[in-house]
PDB file of N, CA and C in Angstrom:
ATOM      1  N   UNK A   1      21.454  28.674  -9.044  1.00  0.00           N
ATOM      2  CA  UNK A   1      20.510  27.733  -9.020  1.00  0.00           C
ATOM      3  C   UNK A   1      19.231  28.392  -8.848  1.00  0.00           C
ATOM      4  N   UNK A   2      18.237  27.829  -9.616  1.00  0.00           N
ATOM      5  CA  UNK A   2      16.792  28.363  -9.680  1.00  0.00           C
ATOM      6  C   UNK A   2      15.868  27.818  -8.671  1.00  0.00           C
ATOM      7  N   UNK A   3      14.904  28.450  -8.339  1.00  0.00           N
ATOM      8  CA  UNK A   3      13.831  27.909  -7.476  1.00  0.00           C
ATOM      9  C   UNK A   3      12.693  27.828  -8.400  1.00  0.00           C
ATOM     10  N   UNK A   4      12.135  26.550  -8.566  1.00  0.00           N
ATOM     11  CA  UNK A   4      11.000  26.327  -9.282  1.00  0.00           C
ATOM     12  C   UNK A   4       9.743  26.069  -8.504  1.00  0.00           C
ATOM     13  N   UNK A   5       8.580  26.465  -9.078  1.00  0.00           N
ATOM     14  CA  UNK A   5       7.283  26.326  -8.523  1.00  0.00           C
ATOM     15  C   UNK A   5       6.735  24.799  -8.706  1.00  0.00           C
ATOM     16  N   UNK A   6       5.691  24.556  -8.127  1.00  0.00           N
ATOM     17  CA  UNK A   6       5.174  23.224  -8.007  1.00  0.00           C
ATOM     18  C   UNK A   6       4.915  22.621  -9.581  1.00  0.00           C
ATOM     19  N   UNK A   7       4.167  23.518 -10.311  1.00  0.00           N
ATOM     20  CA  UNK A   7       3.849  23.113 -11.597  1.00  0.00           C
ATOM     21  C   UNK A   7       5.089  23.094 -12.605  1.00  0.00           C
ATOM     22  N   UNK A   8       6.113  23.789 -12.295  1.00  0.00           N
ATOM     23  CA  UNK A   8       7.339  23.662 -13.056  1.00  0.00           C
ATOM     24  C   UNK A   8       8.132  22.457 -12.674  1.00  0.00           C
ATOM     25  N   UNK A   9       7.938  21.950 -11.410  1.00  0.00           N
ATOM     26  CA  UNK A   9       8.649  20.654 -10.970  1.00  0.00           C
ATOM     27  C   UNK A   9       7.803  19.581 -11.702  1.00  0.00           C
ATOM     28  N   UNK A  10       6.571  19.633 -11.779  1.00  0.00           N
ATOM     29  CA  UNK A  10       5.872  18.454 -12.480  1.00  0.00           C
ATOM     30  C   UNK A  10       6.093  18.512 -13.886  1.00  0.00           C
ATOM     31  N   UNK A  11       6.459  19.616 -14.520  1.00  0.00           N
ATOM     32  CA  UNK A  11       6.925  19.558 -15.928  1.00  0.00           C
ATOM     33  C   UNK A  11       8.277  19.120 -16.062  1.00  0.00           C
ATOM     34  N   UNK A  12       9.175  19.342 -15.210  1.00  0.00           N
ATOM     35  CA  UNK A  12      10.572  18.862 -15.229  1.00  0.00           C
ATOM     36  C   UNK A  12      10.588  17.369 -15.102  1.00  0.00           C
ATOM     37  N   UNK A  13       9.773  16.957 -14.019  1.00  0.00           N
ATOM     38  CA  UNK A  13       9.641  15.442 -13.776  1.00  0.00           C
ATOM     39  C   UNK A  13       9.058  14.795 -15.010  1.00  0.00           C
ATOM     40  N   UNK A  14       7.967  15.280 -15.618  1.00  0.00           N
ATOM     41  CA  UNK A  14       7.399  14.702 -16.814  1.00  0.00           C
ATOM     42  C   UNK A  14       8.317  14.669 -17.892  1.00  0.00           C
ATOM     43  N   UNK A  15       9.261  15.730 -18.192  1.00  0.00           N
ATOM     44  CA  UNK A  15      10.273  15.654 -19.143  1.00  0.00           C
ATOM     45  C   UNK A  15      11.185  14.475 -18.986  1.00  0.00           C
ATOM     46  N   UNK A  16      11.582  14.422 -17.679  1.00  0.00           N
ATOM     47  CA  UNK A  16      12.574  13.323 -17.205  1.00  0.00           C
ATOM     48  C   UNK A  16      12.031  11.971 -17.600  1.00  0.00           C
ATOM     49  N   UNK A  17      10.833  11.767 -17.094  1.00  0.00           N
ATOM     50  CA  UNK A  17      10.151  10.528 -17.364  1.00  0.00           C
ATOM     51  C   UNK A  17       9.887  10.157 -18.815  1.00  0.00           C
ATOM     52  N   UNK A  18       9.934  11.043 -19.730  1.00  0.00           N
ATOM     53  CA  UNK A  18       9.683  10.683 -21.089  1.00  0.00           C
ATOM     54  C   UNK A  18      10.962   9.975 -21.634  1.00  0.00           C
ATOM     55  N   UNK A  19      12.192  10.077 -20.850  1.00  0.00           N
ATOM     56  CA  UNK A  19      13.227   9.381 -21.250  1.00  0.00           C
ATOM     57  C   UNK A  19      14.341  10.127 -22.144  1.00  0.00           C
ATOM     58  N   UNK A  20      15.393   9.492 -22.307  1.00  0.00           N
ATOM     59  CA  UNK A  20      16.395  10.104 -23.189  1.00  0.00           C
ATOM     60  C   UNK A  20      17.416  10.964 -22.432  1.00  0.00           C
ATOM     61  N   UNK A  21      17.143  11.326 -21.261  1.00  0.00           N
ATOM     62  CA  UNK A  21      18.060  12.322 -20.317  1.00  0.00           C
ATOM     63  C   UNK A  21      18.274  11.684 -18.974  1.00  0.00           C
ATOM     64  N   UNK A  22      19.489  11.979 -18.517  1.00  0.00           N
ATOM     65  CA  UNK A  22      19.755  11.498 -17.207  1.00  0.00           C
ATOM     66  C   UNK A  22      19.194  12.353 -16.070  1.00  0.00           C
ATOM     67  N   UNK A  23      19.172  12.087 -15.053  1.00  0.00           N
ATOM     68  CA  UNK A  23      18.909  12.954 -13.861  1.00  0.00           C
ATOM     69  C   UNK A  23      19.893  14.115 -13.778  1.00  0.00           C
ATOM     70  N   UNK A  24      21.131  13.682 -13.838  1.00  0.00           N
ATOM     71  CA  UNK A  24      22.206  14.797 -13.857  1.00  0.00           C
ATOM     72  C   UNK A  24      21.930  15.763 -15.035  1.00  0.00           C
ATOM     73  N   UNK A  25      21.662  15.387 -16.046  1.00  0.00           N
ATOM     74  CA  UNK A  25      21.450  16.233 -17.358  1.00  0.00           C
ATOM     75  C   UNK A  25      20.348  17.136 -17.119  1.00  0.00           C
ATOM     76  N   UNK A  26      19.242  16.537 -16.613  1.00  0.00           N
ATOM     77  CA  UNK A  26      17.955  17.339 -16.437  1.00  0.00           C
ATOM     78  C   UNK A  26      18.142  18.441 -15.383  1.00  0.00           C
ATOM     79  N   UNK A  27      18.977  18.073 -14.326  1.00  0.00           N
ATOM     80  CA  UNK A  27      19.165  19.026 -13.276  1.00  0.00           C
ATOM     81  C   UNK A  27      20.043  20.109 -13.790  1.00  0.00           C
ATOM     82  N   UNK A  28      21.059  19.920 -14.649  1.00  0.00           N
ATOM     83  CA  UNK A  28      21.882  20.942 -15.215  1.00  0.00           C
ATOM     84  C   UNK A  28      21.015  21.707 -16.120  1.00  0.00           C
ATOM     85  N   UNK A  29      20.155  21.133 -16.897  1.00  0.00           N
ATOM     86  CA  UNK A  29      19.414  21.845 -17.907  1.00  0.00           C
ATOM     87  C   UNK A  29      18.502  22.951 -17.233  1.00  0.00           C
ATOM     88  N   UNK A  30      17.934  22.491 -16.088  1.00  0.00           N
ATOM     89  CA  UNK A  30      16.961  23.526 -15.513  1.00  0.00           C
ATOM     90  C   UNK A  30      17.676  24.202 -14.243  1.00  0.00           C
ATOM     91  N   UNK A  31      18.966  24.165 -14.178  1.00  0.00           N
ATOM     92  CA  UNK A  31      19.795  24.928 -13.336  1.00  0.00           C
ATOM     93  C   UNK A  31      19.268  24.682 -11.734  1.00  0.00           C
ATOM     94  N   UNK A  32      19.165  23.292 -11.382  1.00  0.00           N
ATOM     95  CA  UNK A  32      18.722  22.986 -10.070  1.00  0.00           C
ATOM     96  C   UNK A  32      19.821  21.759  -9.616  1.00  0.00           C
ATOM     97  N   UNK A  33      19.808  21.755  -8.386  1.00  0.00           N
ATOM     98  CA  UNK A  33      20.796  20.630  -7.928  1.00  0.00           C
ATOM     99  C   UNK A  33      20.224  19.260  -8.141  1.00  0.00           C
ATOM    100  N   UNK A  34      21.094  18.231  -8.205  1.00  0.00           N
ATOM    101  CA  UNK A  34      20.573  16.863  -8.506  1.00  0.00           C
ATOM    102  C   UNK A  34      19.908  16.312  -7.178  1.00  0.00           C
ATOM    103  N   UNK A  35      20.250  16.773  -6.038  1.00  0.00           N
ATOM    104  CA  UNK A  35      19.541  16.400  -4.825  1.00  0.00           C
ATOM    105  C   UNK A  35      18.092  16.995  -4.782  1.00  0.00           C
ATOM    106  N   UNK A  36      18.007  18.213  -5.190  1.00  0.00           N
ATOM    107  CA  UNK A  36      16.682  18.821  -5.092  1.00  0.00           C
ATOM    108  C   UNK A  36      15.876  18.139  -6.280  1.00  0.00           C
ATOM    109  N   UNK A  37      16.439  18.011  -7.453  1.00  0.00           N
ATOM    110  CA  UNK A  37      15.540  17.202  -8.408  1.00  0.00           C
ATOM    111  C   UNK A  37      15.132  15.824  -7.941  1.00  0.00           C
ATOM    112  N   UNK A  38      15.929  15.121  -7.305  1.00  0.00           N
ATOM    113  CA  UNK A  38      15.667  13.811  -6.747  1.00  0.00           C
ATOM    114  C   UNK A  38      14.553  13.967  -5.708  1.00  0.00           C
ATOM    115  N   UNK A  39      14.693  14.990  -4.947  1.00  0.00           N
ATOM    116  CA  UNK A  39      13.530  15.159  -3.977  1.00  0.00           C
ATOM    117  C   UNK A  39      12.121  15.284  -4.495  1.00  0.00           C
ATOM    118  N   UNK A  40      12.251  16.208  -5.553  1.00  0.00           N
ATOM    119  CA  UNK A  40      10.829  16.490  -6.189  1.00  0.00           C
ATOM    120  C   UNK A  40      10.464  15.301  -7.174  1.00  0.00           C
ATOM    121  N   UNK A  41      11.280  14.409  -7.623  1.00  0.00           N
ATOM    122  CA  UNK A  41      10.993  13.358  -8.415  1.00  0.00           C
ATOM    123  C   UNK A  41      10.250  12.457  -7.430  1.00  0.00           C
ATOM    124  N   UNK A  42      10.940  12.160  -6.295  1.00  0.00           N
ATOM    125  CA  UNK A  42      10.108  11.398  -5.345  1.00  0.00           C
ATOM    126  C   UNK A  42       8.960  11.753  -4.850  1.00  0.00           C
ATOM    127  N   UNK A  43       8.841  13.052  -4.611  1.00  0.00           N
ATOM    128  CA  UNK A  43       7.519  13.583  -4.063  1.00  0.00           C
ATOM    129  C   UNK A  43       6.602  13.583  -5.067  1.00  0.00           C
ATOM    130  N   UNK A  44       6.808  13.836  -6.226  1.00  0.00           N
ATOM    131  CA  UNK A  44       5.805  13.910  -7.124  1.00  0.00           C
ATOM    132  C   UNK A  44       5.334  12.536  -7.597  1.00  0.00           C
ATOM    133  N   UNK A  45       6.206  11.619  -7.736  1.00  0.00           N
ATOM    134  CA  UNK A  45       5.776  10.169  -7.880  1.00  0.00           C
ATOM    135  C   UNK A  45       4.989   9.632  -6.623  1.00  0.00           C
ATOM    136  N   UNK A  46       5.366  10.070  -5.557  1.00  0.00           N
ATOM    137  CA  UNK A  46       4.583   9.571  -4.297  1.00  0.00           C
ATOM    138  C   UNK A  46       3.050  10.143  -4.359  1.00  0.00           C
ATOM    139  N   UNK A  47       2.779  11.319  -4.809  1.00  0.00           N
ATOM    140  CA  UNK A  47       1.528  11.919  -4.987  1.00  0.00           C
ATOM    141  C   UNK A  47       0.623  11.188  -5.824  1.00  0.00           C
ATOM    142  N   UNK A  48       1.223  10.547  -6.968  1.00  0.00           N
ATOM    143  CA  UNK A  48       0.522   9.715  -7.852  1.00  0.00           C
ATOM    144  C   UNK A  48      -0.049   8.447  -7.261  1.00  0.00           C
ATOM    145  N   UNK A  49       0.549   7.970  -6.172  1.00  0.00           N
ATOM    146  CA  UNK A  49       0.131   6.622  -5.688  1.00  0.00           C
ATOM    147  C   UNK A  49      -1.318   6.887  -5.091  1.00  0.00           C
ATOM    148  N   UNK A  50      -2.070   5.735  -5.041  1.00  0.00           N
ATOM    149  CA  UNK A  50      -3.240   5.844  -4.315  1.00  0.00           C
ATOM    150  C   UNK A  50      -3.130   5.930  -2.798  1.00  0.00           C
ATOM    151  N   UNK A  51      -3.932   6.846  -2.365  1.00  0.00           N
ATOM    152  CA  UNK A  51      -3.972   7.138  -0.980  1.00  0.00           C
ATOM    153  C   UNK A  51      -4.305   5.970  -0.046  1.00  0.00           C
ATOM    154  N   UNK A  52      -3.647   5.772   0.968  1.00  0.00           N
ATOM    155  CA  UNK A  52      -3.930   4.609   1.938  1.00  0.00           C
ATOM    156  C   UNK A  52      -4.304   5.341   3.318  1.00  0.00           C
ATOM    157  N   UNK A  53      -4.960   6.538   3.180  1.00  0.00           N
ATOM    158  CA  UNK A  53      -5.172   7.299   4.405  1.00  0.00           C
ATOM    159  C   UNK A  53      -6.534   6.874   4.945  1.00  0.00           C
ATOM    160  N   UNK A  54      -6.979   7.380   5.969  1.00  0.00           N
ATOM    161  CA  UNK A  54      -8.313   7.116   6.481  1.00  0.00           C
ATOM    162  C   UNK A  54      -9.351   7.715   5.707  1.00  0.00           C
ATOM    163  N   UNK A  55      -9.070   8.534   4.676  1.00  0.00           N
ATOM    164  CA  UNK A  55      -9.990   9.239   3.895  1.00  0.00           C
ATOM    165  C   UNK A  55     -10.479   8.197   2.876  1.00  0.00           C
ATOM    166  N   UNK A  56      -9.644   7.163   2.410  1.00  0.00           N
ATOM    167  CA  UNK A  56     -10.051   6.216   1.447  1.00  0.00           C
ATOM    168  C   UNK A  56     -11.051   5.368   2.044  1.00  0.00           C
ATOM    169  N   UNK A  57     -11.823   4.745   1.151  1.00  0.00           N
ATOM    170  CA  UNK A  57     -12.851   3.853   1.586  1.00  0.00           C
ATOM    171  C   UNK A  57     -12.363   2.480   2.058  1.00  0.00           C
ATOM    172  N   UNK A  58     -12.801   2.144   3.268  1.00  0.00           N
ATOM    173  CA  UNK A  58     -12.366   0.718   3.643  1.00  0.00           C
ATOM    174  C   UNK A  58     -12.779  -0.334   2.782  1.00  0.00           C
ATOM    175  N   UNK A  59     -12.263  -1.460   2.891  1.00  0.00           N
ATOM    176  CA  UNK A  59     -12.681  -2.634   2.141  1.00  0.00           C
ATOM    177  C   UNK A  59     -13.397  -3.668   3.154  1.00  0.00           C
ATOM    178  N   UNK A  60     -14.569  -3.879   2.837  1.00  0.00           N
ATOM    179  CA  UNK A  60     -15.285  -4.931   3.724  1.00  0.00           C
ATOM    180  C   UNK A  60     -15.715  -6.168   3.015  1.00  0.00           C
ATOM    181  N   UNK A  61     -15.538  -7.148   3.680  1.00  0.00           N
ATOM    182  CA  UNK A  61     -15.892  -8.536   3.139  1.00  0.00           C
ATOM    183  C   UNK A  61     -16.892  -9.152   4.025  1.00  0.00           C
ATOM    184  N   UNK A  62     -17.638  -9.964   3.357  1.00  0.00           N
ATOM    185  CA  UNK A  62     -18.758 -10.616   4.112  1.00  0.00           C
ATOM    186  C   UNK A  62     -18.317 -11.448   5.258  1.00  0.00           C
ATOM    187  N   UNK A  63     -19.074 -11.345   6.382  1.00  0.00           N
ATOM    188  CA  UNK A  63     -18.671 -12.155   7.433  1.00  0.00           C
ATOM    189  C   UNK A  63     -19.870 -12.838   8.047  1.00  0.00           C
ATOM    190  N   UNK A  64     -19.818 -14.126   8.422  1.00  0.00           N
ATOM    191  CA  UNK A  64     -20.949 -14.687   8.891  1.00  0.00           C
ATOM    192  C   UNK A  64     -20.517 -15.252  10.358  1.00  0.00           C
ATOM    193  N   UNK A  65     -21.349 -14.619  11.333  1.00  0.00           N
ATOM    194  CA  UNK A  65     -21.019 -14.889  12.688  1.00  0.00           C
ATOM    195  C   UNK A  65     -22.152 -16.123  13.131  1.00  0.00           C
ATOM    196  N   UNK A  66     -21.525 -17.245  13.702  1.00  0.00           N
ATOM    197  CA  UNK A  66     -22.401 -18.177  14.167  1.00  0.00           C
ATOM    198  C   UNK A  66     -22.022 -18.553  15.632  1.00  0.00           C
ATOM    199  N   UNK A  67     -22.969 -19.103  16.351  1.00  0.00           N
ATOM    200  CA  UNK A  67     -22.848 -19.416  17.624  1.00  0.00           C
ATOM    201  C   UNK A  67     -21.892 -20.640  17.572  1.00  0.00           C
ATOM    202  N   UNK A  68     -21.064 -20.801  18.623  1.00  0.00           N
ATOM    203  CA  UNK A  68     -20.119 -22.017  18.732  1.00  0.00           C
ATOM    204  C   UNK A  68     -19.659 -22.147  20.163  1.00  0.00           C
ATOM    205  N   UNK A  69     -18.990 -23.244  20.359  1.00  0.00           N
ATOM    206  CA  UNK A  69     -18.651 -23.565  21.621  1.00  0.00           C
ATOM    207  C   UNK A  69     -17.392 -22.825  22.115  1.00  0.00           C
ATOM    208  N   UNK A  70     -17.021 -22.705  23.264  1.00  0.00           N
ATOM    209  CA  UNK A  70     -15.873 -21.845  23.696  1.00  0.00           C
ATOM    210  C   UNK A  70     -14.622 -22.370  22.934  1.00  0.00           C
ATOM    211  N   UNK A  71     -13.584 -21.347  22.817  1.00  0.00           N
ATOM    212  CA  UNK A  71     -12.528 -21.530  22.083  1.00  0.00           C
ATOM    213  C   UNK A  71     -11.702 -22.914  22.484  1.00  0.00           C
ATOM    214  N   UNK A  72     -11.541 -23.270  23.694  1.00  0.00           N
ATOM    215  CA  UNK A  72     -10.818 -24.457  24.062  1.00  0.00           C
ATOM    216  C   UNK A  72     -11.564 -25.654  23.501  1.00  0.00           C
ATOM    217  N   UNK A  73     -12.824 -25.676  23.533  1.00  0.00           N
ATOM    218  CA  UNK A  73     -13.626 -26.832  23.087  1.00  0.00           C
ATOM    219  C   UNK A  73     -13.498 -27.072  21.631  1.00  0.00           C
ATOM    220  N   UNK A  74     -13.342 -25.873  20.932  1.00  0.00           N
ATOM    221  CA  UNK A  74     -13.370 -25.922  19.496  1.00  0.00           C
ATOM    222  C   UNK A  74     -12.017 -26.518  18.988  1.00  0.00           C
ATOM    223  N   UNK A  75     -10.913 -26.228  19.637  1.00  0.00           N
ATOM    224  CA  UNK A  75      -9.592 -26.570  19.262  1.00  0.00           C
ATOM    225  C   UNK A  75      -9.418 -28.077  18.611  1.00  0.00           C
ATOM    226  N   UNK A  76     -10.100 -29.068  19.474  1.00  0.00           N
ATOM    227  CA  UNK A  76     -10.086 -30.383  19.106  1.00  0.00           C
ATOM    228  C   UNK A  76     -11.076 -30.781  18.005  1.00  0.00           C
ATOM    229  N   UNK A  77     -11.875 -29.856  17.578  1.00  0.00           N
ATOM    230  CA  UNK A  77     -12.877 -30.068  16.478  1.00  0.00           C
ATOM    231  C   UNK A  77     -12.647 -29.498  15.197  1.00  0.00           C
ATOM    232  N   UNK A  78     -11.286 -29.546  14.795  1.00  0.00           N
ATOM    233  CA  UNK A  78     -10.983 -29.188  13.452  1.00  0.00           C
ATOM    234  C   UNK A  78     -10.966 -27.718  13.187  1.00  0.00           C
ATOM    235  N   UNK A  79     -10.191 -26.997  13.965  1.00  0.00           N
ATOM    236  CA  UNK A  79      -9.985 -25.502  13.861  1.00  0.00           C
ATOM    237  C   UNK A  79      -8.698 -25.130  13.347  1.00  0.00           C
ATOM    238  N   UNK A  80      -8.642 -24.191  12.429  1.00  0.00           N
ATOM    239  CA  UNK A  80      -7.464 -23.604  11.957  1.00  0.00           C
ATOM    240  C   UNK A  80      -7.094 -22.257  12.529  1.00  0.00           C
ATOM    241  N   UNK A  81      -6.046 -21.868  12.738  1.00  0.00           N
ATOM    242  CA  UNK A  81      -5.755 -20.604  13.456  1.00  0.00           C
ATOM    243  C   UNK A  81      -4.758 -19.883  12.507  1.00  0.00           C
ATOM    244  N   UNK A  82      -4.911 -18.534  12.363  1.00  0.00           N
ATOM    245  CA  UNK A  82      -3.996 -17.616  11.574  1.00  0.00           C
ATOM    246  C   UNK A  82      -3.508 -16.584  12.510  1.00  0.00           C
ATOM    247  N   UNK A  83      -2.283 -16.477  12.655  1.00  0.00           N
ATOM    248  CA  UNK A  83      -1.684 -15.315  13.562  1.00  0.00           C
ATOM    249  C   UNK A  83      -1.419 -14.126  12.510  1.00  0.00           C
ATOM    250  N   UNK A  84      -2.001 -12.951  12.699  1.00  0.00           N
ATOM    251  CA  UNK A  84      -1.787 -11.709  11.854  1.00  0.00           C
ATOM    252  C   UNK A  84      -0.451 -11.123  12.411  1.00  0.00           C
ATOM    253  N   UNK A  85       0.174 -10.206  11.482  1.00  0.00           N
ATOM    254  CA  UNK A  85       1.341  -9.470  11.897  1.00  0.00           C
ATOM    255  C   UNK A  85       1.148  -8.517  13.190  1.00  0.00           C
ATOM    256  N   UNK A  86      -0.236  -8.288  13.169  1.00  0.00           N
ATOM    257  CA  UNK A  86      -0.622  -7.231  14.418  1.00  0.00           C
ATOM    258  C   UNK A  86      -0.746  -8.042  15.682  1.00  0.00           C
ATOM    259  N   UNK A  87      -0.627  -9.307  15.579  1.00  0.00           N
ATOM    260  CA  UNK A  87      -0.749 -10.209  16.785  1.00  0.00           C
ATOM    261  C   UNK A  87      -2.234 -10.826  17.017  1.00  0.00           C
ATOM    262  N   UNK A  88      -3.087 -10.387  16.222  1.00  0.00           N
ATOM    263  CA  UNK A  88      -4.421 -10.783  16.392  1.00  0.00           C
ATOM    264  C   UNK A  88      -4.475 -12.258  15.765  1.00  0.00           C
ATOM    265  N   UNK A  89      -5.144 -13.072  16.603  1.00  0.00           N
ATOM    266  CA  UNK A  89      -5.333 -14.482  16.226  1.00  0.00           C
ATOM    267  C   UNK A  89      -6.757 -14.751  15.641  1.00  0.00           C
ATOM    268  N   UNK A  90      -6.810 -15.200  14.405  1.00  0.00           N
ATOM    269  CA  UNK A  90      -8.088 -15.522  13.858  1.00  0.00           C
ATOM    270  C   UNK A  90      -8.241 -17.050  13.713  1.00  0.00           C
ATOM    271  N   UNK A  91      -9.496 -17.510  13.994  1.00  0.00           N
ATOM    272  CA  UNK A  91      -9.715 -19.018  14.054  1.00  0.00           C
ATOM    273  C   UNK A  91     -10.847 -19.167  12.921  1.00  0.00           C
ATOM    274  N   UNK A  92     -10.635 -20.405  12.167  1.00  0.00           N
ATOM    275  CA  UNK A  92     -11.622 -20.875  11.088  1.00  0.00           C
ATOM    276  C   UNK A  92     -11.814 -22.247  11.346  1.00  0.00           C
ATOM    277  N   UNK A  93     -13.112 -22.587  11.007  1.00  0.00           N
ATOM    278  CA  UNK A  93     -13.323 -24.090  11.063  1.00  0.00           C
ATOM    279  C   UNK A  93     -12.812 -24.757   9.781  1.00  0.00           C
ATOM    280  N   UNK A  94     -12.294 -26.077  10.079  1.00  0.00           N
ATOM    281  CA  UNK A  94     -11.846 -26.784   8.887  1.00  0.00           C
ATOM    282  C   UNK A  94     -12.913 -26.927   7.853  1.00  0.00           C
ATOM    283  N   UNK A  95     -12.463 -26.729   6.696  1.00  0.00           N
ATOM    284  CA  UNK A  95     -13.437 -26.685   5.526  1.00  0.00           C
ATOM    285  C   UNK A  95     -14.038 -25.206   5.157  1.00  0.00           C
ATOM    286  N   UNK A  96     -13.442 -24.236   5.639  1.00  0.00           N
ATOM    287  CA  UNK A  96     -13.765 -22.920   5.339  1.00  0.00           C
ATOM    288  C   UNK A  96     -13.253 -22.589   3.879  1.00  0.00           C
ATOM    289  N   UNK A  97     -14.131 -22.032   3.078  1.00  0.00           N
ATOM    290  CA  UNK A  97     -13.676 -21.737   1.806  1.00  0.00           C
ATOM    291  C   UNK A  97     -12.293 -21.038   1.740  1.00  0.00           C
ATOM    292  N   UNK A  98     -11.395 -21.415   0.905  1.00  0.00           N
ATOM    293  CA  UNK A  98     -10.005 -20.994   1.038  1.00  0.00           C
ATOM    294  C   UNK A  98      -9.889 -19.629   0.212  1.00  0.00           C
ATOM    295  N   UNK A  99     -10.674 -19.370  -0.791  1.00  0.00           N
ATOM    296  CA  UNK A  99     -10.817 -18.181  -1.418  1.00  0.00           C
ATOM    297  C   UNK A  99     -11.329 -17.067  -0.571  1.00  0.00           C
ATOM    298  N   UNK A 100     -12.292 -17.369   0.267  1.00  0.00           N
ATOM    299  CA  UNK A 100     -12.769 -16.390   1.168  1.00  0.00           C
ATOM    300  C   UNK A 100     -11.594 -16.071   2.277  1.00  0.00           C
ATOM    301  N   UNK A 101     -10.923 -17.044   2.725  1.00  0.00           N
ATOM    302  CA  UNK A 101      -9.888 -16.850   3.552  1.00  0.00           C
ATOM    303  C   UNK A 101      -8.777 -15.951   3.122  1.00  0.00           C
ATOM    304  N   UNK A 102      -8.389 -16.281   1.899  1.00  0.00           N
ATOM    305  CA  UNK A 102      -7.339 -15.617   1.233  1.00  0.00           C
ATOM    306  C   UNK A 102      -7.690 -13.961   1.154  1.00  0.00           C
ATOM    307  N   UNK A 103      -8.917 -13.808   0.653  1.00  0.00           N
ATOM    308  CA  UNK A 103      -9.392 -12.477   0.664  1.00  0.00           C
ATOM    309  C   UNK A 103      -9.472 -11.671   1.937  1.00  0.00           C
ATOM    310  N   UNK A 104      -9.943 -12.458   2.992  1.00  0.00           N
ATOM    311  CA  UNK A 104     -10.018 -11.854   4.303  1.00  0.00           C
ATOM    312  C   UNK A 104      -8.696 -11.715   4.856  1.00  0.00           C
ATOM    313  N   UNK A 105      -7.710 -12.605   4.848  1.00  0.00           N
ATOM    314  CA  UNK A 105      -6.272 -12.397   5.432  1.00  0.00           C
ATOM    315  C   UNK A 105      -5.682 -11.294   4.643  1.00  0.00           C
ATOM    316  N   UNK A 106      -5.828 -11.147   3.345  1.00  0.00           N
ATOM    317  CA  UNK A 106      -5.142  -9.981   2.538  1.00  0.00           C
ATOM    318  C   UNK A 106      -5.599  -8.775   2.912  1.00  0.00           C
ATOM    319  N   UNK A 107      -6.945  -8.727   3.124  1.00  0.00           N
ATOM    320  CA  UNK A 107      -7.649  -7.435   3.719  1.00  0.00           C
ATOM    321  C   UNK A 107      -7.216  -7.033   5.042  1.00  0.00           C
ATOM    322  N   UNK A 108      -7.003  -7.979   6.025  1.00  0.00           N
ATOM    323  CA  UNK A 108      -6.586  -7.669   7.370  1.00  0.00           C
ATOM    324  C   UNK A 108      -5.099  -7.470   7.439  1.00  0.00           C
ATOM    325  N   UNK A 109      -4.393  -7.962   6.394  1.00  0.00           N
ATOM    326  CA  UNK A 109      -2.817  -7.628   6.463  1.00  0.00           C
ATOM    327  C   UNK A 109      -2.180  -8.522   7.458  1.00  0.00           C
TER     328      UNK A 109
END
């Protein structure tokens, strides 16, 4: 079994992704184990994905803050609530632009 460098692995993965050869065949051709090939295939493909780290620019949406009554008083006055997966509860007035809500909720996750 051979030990390949990072650039060699990128070349092997590129060769595989061109098609026409199975994972087993490409591993045998380059004298590496199938498990090692699959590890580098996963690792190199993951590197290509856009980063979701704190280094990437956050997405900001416009937000308008207005004075309003206390939350309990607003509940009877046409308020919608959305509970996020994080447990955060977000309240909106009935009639809020649905496109805005969709973008905001998608960004908040």
